[in-house]
Amino acid sequence: MTFGNGYPGASPYADEGPYGTPVMYKKAGLTPRGKVAIAVAGVAIIGGGTIWFQAHSAAVAKDEKEAAALQVQMKQLELEEMRIRNEQASTDKKAAAASAEKIQAAVDKCVKDSSADQRGKGYVPSRSAVVADCKQQYETADGSGMQAAGSSQAAGNEGDGGINAPALLGLVAGGGLAVAMFARKGKKADA
């Protein structure tokens, strides 16, 4: 059934264009070219993401291996440092023991000699006084007391004669106070 001069199969209720021909509506959706473009873009994104993930995973694994190797090296250095410190401590302990033995032998000899000298003179001091006198004489003669004093002085002078922190703080505070006072006087003079 056709009405007028229309196309066969055209709906009589179809919209007509400006020249009387029915308007042909296209199907909704993508053209074959658009579908191919979307498929290619999807494959490119997935492929690029996969490649990036693999590269990133390899870089992270490499960084973790380097960090583990660094930690192992740090532990080895710490162990080496502890070994050196232990050797130094044992050497110091042996030297201190040898020095103490020398001092003790000298003190014993001094006590023995002093006791023999004093007995012939008629005055016999107490044994503890003779021991204390000999200890005082030989402990300072050894020089270990001087070494201890020198090391404590060196530990206190870490700045090598420079200005220390409390003095610097005092100078900064004094300078700030002076600037504040002059600034205040300047405001009073301007007013």
Protein backbone atom coordinates (compact mmCIF):
# COMPACT_ATOMS: atom_id res chain seq x y z
CA MET A 1 0.00 0.00 0.00
CA THR A 2 1.59 3.19 -1.10
CA PHE A 3 0.40 6.66 -0.65
CA GLY A 4 1.34 9.32 -3.15
CA ASN A 5 4.60 9.28 -4.89
CA GLY A 6 6.61 7.80 -2.05
CA TYR A 7 9.16 5.06 -2.07
CA PRO A 8 7.99 1.52 -1.78
CA GLY A 9 8.40 0.32 1.78
CA ALA A 10 8.49 3.84 3.14
CA SER A 11 6.28 4.51 6.09
CA PRO A 12 3.54 6.99 5.44
CA TYR A 13 4.33 8.53 8.82
CA ALA A 14 8.05 8.96 8.18
CA ASP A 15 9.55 12.40 8.43
CA GLU A 16 10.06 14.04 5.15
CA GLY A 17 13.06 16.15 4.23
CA PRO A 18 12.77 19.59 2.65
CA TYR A 19 12.42 18.11 -0.82
CA GLY A 20 9.81 15.55 -0.02
CA THR A 21 12.12 12.62 0.36
CA PRO A 22 11.87 10.64 3.57
CA VAL A 23 14.64 11.20 6.07
CA MET A 24 16.72 8.09 6.55
CA TYR A 25 17.97 7.71 10.12
CA LYS A 26 21.19 5.85 10.69
CA LYS A 27 21.42 3.06 13.20
CA ALA A 28 22.80 4.07 16.57
CA GLY A 29 26.30 2.77 17.28
CA LEU A 30 29.79 2.87 15.86
CA THR A 31 30.84 2.50 12.33
CA PRO A 32 33.13 -0.39 11.50
CA ARG A 33 36.05 2.05 11.35
CA GLY A 34 35.22 3.36 14.84
CA LYS A 35 35.01 -0.18 16.20
CA VAL A 36 38.44 -1.00 14.75
CA ALA A 37 39.89 2.25 16.17
CA ILE A 38 38.55 1.47 19.65
CA ALA A 39 39.87 -2.10 19.48
CA VAL A 40 43.34 -0.88 18.40
CA ALA A 41 43.38 1.76 21.16
CA GLY A 42 42.34 -0.84 23.77
CA VAL A 43 45.05 -3.26 22.66
CA ALA A 44 47.62 -0.44 22.71
CA ILE A 45 46.59 0.64 26.22
CA ILE A 46 46.59 -2.90 27.59
CA GLY A 47 49.88 -3.75 25.88
CA GLY A 48 51.54 -0.52 27.05
CA GLY A 49 50.23 -1.05 30.59
CA THR A 50 51.56 -4.60 30.65
CA ILE A 51 54.98 -3.53 29.39
CA TRP A 52 55.10 -0.64 31.91
CA PHE A 53 54.10 -2.96 34.76
CA GLN A 54 56.81 -5.44 33.86
CA ALA A 55 59.44 -2.68 33.61
CA HIS A 56 58.27 -1.17 36.91
CA SER A 57 58.30 -4.57 38.64
CA ALA A 58 61.83 -5.22 37.38
CA ALA A 59 63.00 -1.79 38.61
CA VAL A 60 61.42 -2.35 42.04
CA ALA A 61 63.01 -5.79 42.32
CA LYS A 62 66.40 -4.33 41.34
CA ASP A 63 66.03 -1.56 43.94
CA GLU A 64 65.10 -4.10 46.63
CA LYS A 65 68.16 -6.20 45.78
CA GLU A 66 70.42 -3.14 45.96
CA ALA A 67 68.90 -2.14 49.30
CA ALA A 68 69.43 -5.65 50.67
CA ALA A 69 73.04 -5.62 49.44
CA LEU A 70 73.59 -2.23 51.09
CA GLN A 71 72.16 -3.52 54.36
CA VAL A 72 74.48 -6.52 54.23
CA GLN A 73 77.46 -4.23 53.61
CA MET A 74 76.40 -1.97 56.51
CA LYS A 75 76.14 -4.98 58.82
CA GLN A 76 79.58 -6.16 57.73
CA LEU A 77 81.03 -2.71 58.41
CA GLU A 78 79.37 -2.62 61.84
CA LEU A 79 80.78 -6.05 62.66
CA GLU A 80 84.25 -4.98 61.49
CA GLU A 81 84.01 -1.83 63.61
CA MET A 82 82.93 -3.86 66.65
CA ARG A 83 85.83 -6.27 66.09
CA ILE A 84 88.31 -3.39 65.92
CA ARG A 85 86.84 -1.82 69.06
CA ASN A 86 87.04 -5.13 70.90
CA GLU A 87 90.67 -5.60 69.84
CA GLN A 88 91.48 -2.05 70.95
CA ALA A 89 89.72 -2.60 74.29
CA SER A 90 91.60 -5.85 74.91
CA THR A 91 94.90 -4.16 73.98
CA ASP A 92 94.11 -1.27 76.33
CA LYS A 93 93.15 -3.69 79.07
CA LYS A 94 96.42 -5.60 78.65
CA ALA A 95 98.44 -2.39 78.68
CA ALA A 96 96.61 -1.18 81.80
CA ALA A 97 97.22 -4.53 83.51
CA ALA A 98 100.92 -4.42 82.62
CA SER A 99 101.17 -0.83 83.86
CA ALA A 100 99.36 -1.74 87.07
CA GLU A 101 101.74 -4.65 87.61
CA LYS A 102 104.76 -2.37 87.11
CA ILE A 103 103.34 0.19 89.54
CA GLN A 104 102.52 -2.50 92.09
CA ALA A 105 106.04 -3.94 91.86
CA ALA A 106 107.57 -0.47 92.28
CA VAL A 107 105.26 0.32 95.22
CA ASP A 108 106.14 -3.01 96.87
CA LYS A 109 109.86 -2.32 96.41
CA CYS A 110 109.45 1.22 97.76
CA VAL A 111 107.54 -0.02 100.82
CA LYS A 112 110.17 -2.66 101.48
CA ASP A 113 113.05 -0.17 101.10
CA SER A 114 111.30 2.52 103.18
CA SER A 115 110.51 0.09 105.96
CA ALA A 116 114.14 -1.03 106.09
CA ASP A 117 115.44 2.58 106.06
CA GLN A 118 113.06 3.76 108.78
CA ARG A 119 113.73 0.89 111.18
CA GLY A 120 117.35 1.87 111.63
CA LYS A 121 116.48 5.51 112.49
CA GLY A 122 114.27 4.79 115.44
CA TYR A 123 111.13 6.34 113.91
CA VAL A 124 108.73 3.73 112.56
CA PRO A 125 105.78 5.17 110.61
CA SER A 126 102.65 3.10 110.14
CA ARG A 127 102.64 0.69 107.23
CA SER A 128 99.57 2.39 105.67
CA ALA A 129 101.38 5.77 105.64
CA VAL A 130 104.40 4.23 103.91
CA VAL A 131 102.14 2.47 101.35
CA ALA A 132 100.16 5.65 100.65
CA ASP A 133 103.37 7.67 100.21
CA CYS A 134 104.82 5.11 97.80
CA LYS A 135 101.57 4.81 95.82
CA GLN A 136 101.42 8.57 95.43
CA GLN A 137 105.03 8.68 94.33
CA TYR A 138 104.82 5.90 91.71
CA GLU A 139 101.33 6.44 90.32
CA THR A 140 102.16 9.99 89.23
CA ALA A 141 105.60 8.94 87.98
CA ASP A 142 103.97 6.41 85.64
CA GLY A 143 102.29 9.17 83.63
CA SER A 144 99.00 7.32 83.30
CA GLY A 145 97.32 10.03 85.37
CA MET A 146 98.61 12.63 82.94
CA GLN A 147 97.32 10.64 79.97
CA ALA A 148 93.89 10.39 81.56
CA ALA A 149 93.85 14.14 82.23
CA GLY A 150 94.98 14.86 78.68
CA SER A 151 92.29 12.68 77.16
CA SER A 152 89.58 14.26 79.30
CA GLN A 153 90.81 17.73 78.32
CA ALA A 154 90.83 16.74 74.63
CA ALA A 155 87.29 15.41 74.94
CA GLY A 156 86.15 18.71 76.46
CA ASN A 157 87.77 20.84 73.74
CA GLU A 158 86.04 19.44 70.69
CA GLY A 159 85.75 22.90 69.13
CA ASP A 160 89.56 23.31 68.95
CA GLY A 161 89.59 26.56 70.88
CA GLY A 162 86.62 28.01 69.03
CA ILE A 163 83.62 29.68 70.60
CA ASN A 164 81.34 27.28 72.42
CA ALA A 165 77.55 27.12 72.18
CA PRO A 166 76.65 28.95 75.45
CA ALA A 167 78.98 31.83 74.59
CA LEU A 168 77.54 32.06 71.08
CA LEU A 169 74.00 32.02 72.46
CA GLY A 170 74.92 34.80 74.89
CA LEU A 171 76.42 36.92 72.11
CA VAL A 172 73.36 36.47 69.89
CA ALA A 173 70.97 37.27 72.74
CA GLY A 174 72.99 40.37 73.73
CA GLY A 175 73.11 41.57 70.15
CA GLY A 176 69.36 41.07 69.75
CA LEU A 177 68.70 42.98 72.98
CA ALA A 178 70.92 45.86 71.86
CA VAL A 179 69.16 46.07 68.49
CA ALA A 180 65.77 46.03 70.17
CA MET A 181 66.75 48.83 72.57
CA PHE A 182 68.14 51.03 69.78
CA ALA A 183 65.04 50.41 67.66
CA ARG A 184 62.81 51.41 70.57
CA LYS A 185 64.82 54.59 71.19
CA GLY A 186 64.57 55.37 67.50
CA LYS A 187 60.76 55.13 67.61
CA LYS A 188 60.61 57.46 70.65
CA ALA A 189 62.85 59.99 68.93
CA ASP A 190 60.70 59.98 65.76
CA ALA A 191 57.47 60.51 67.71
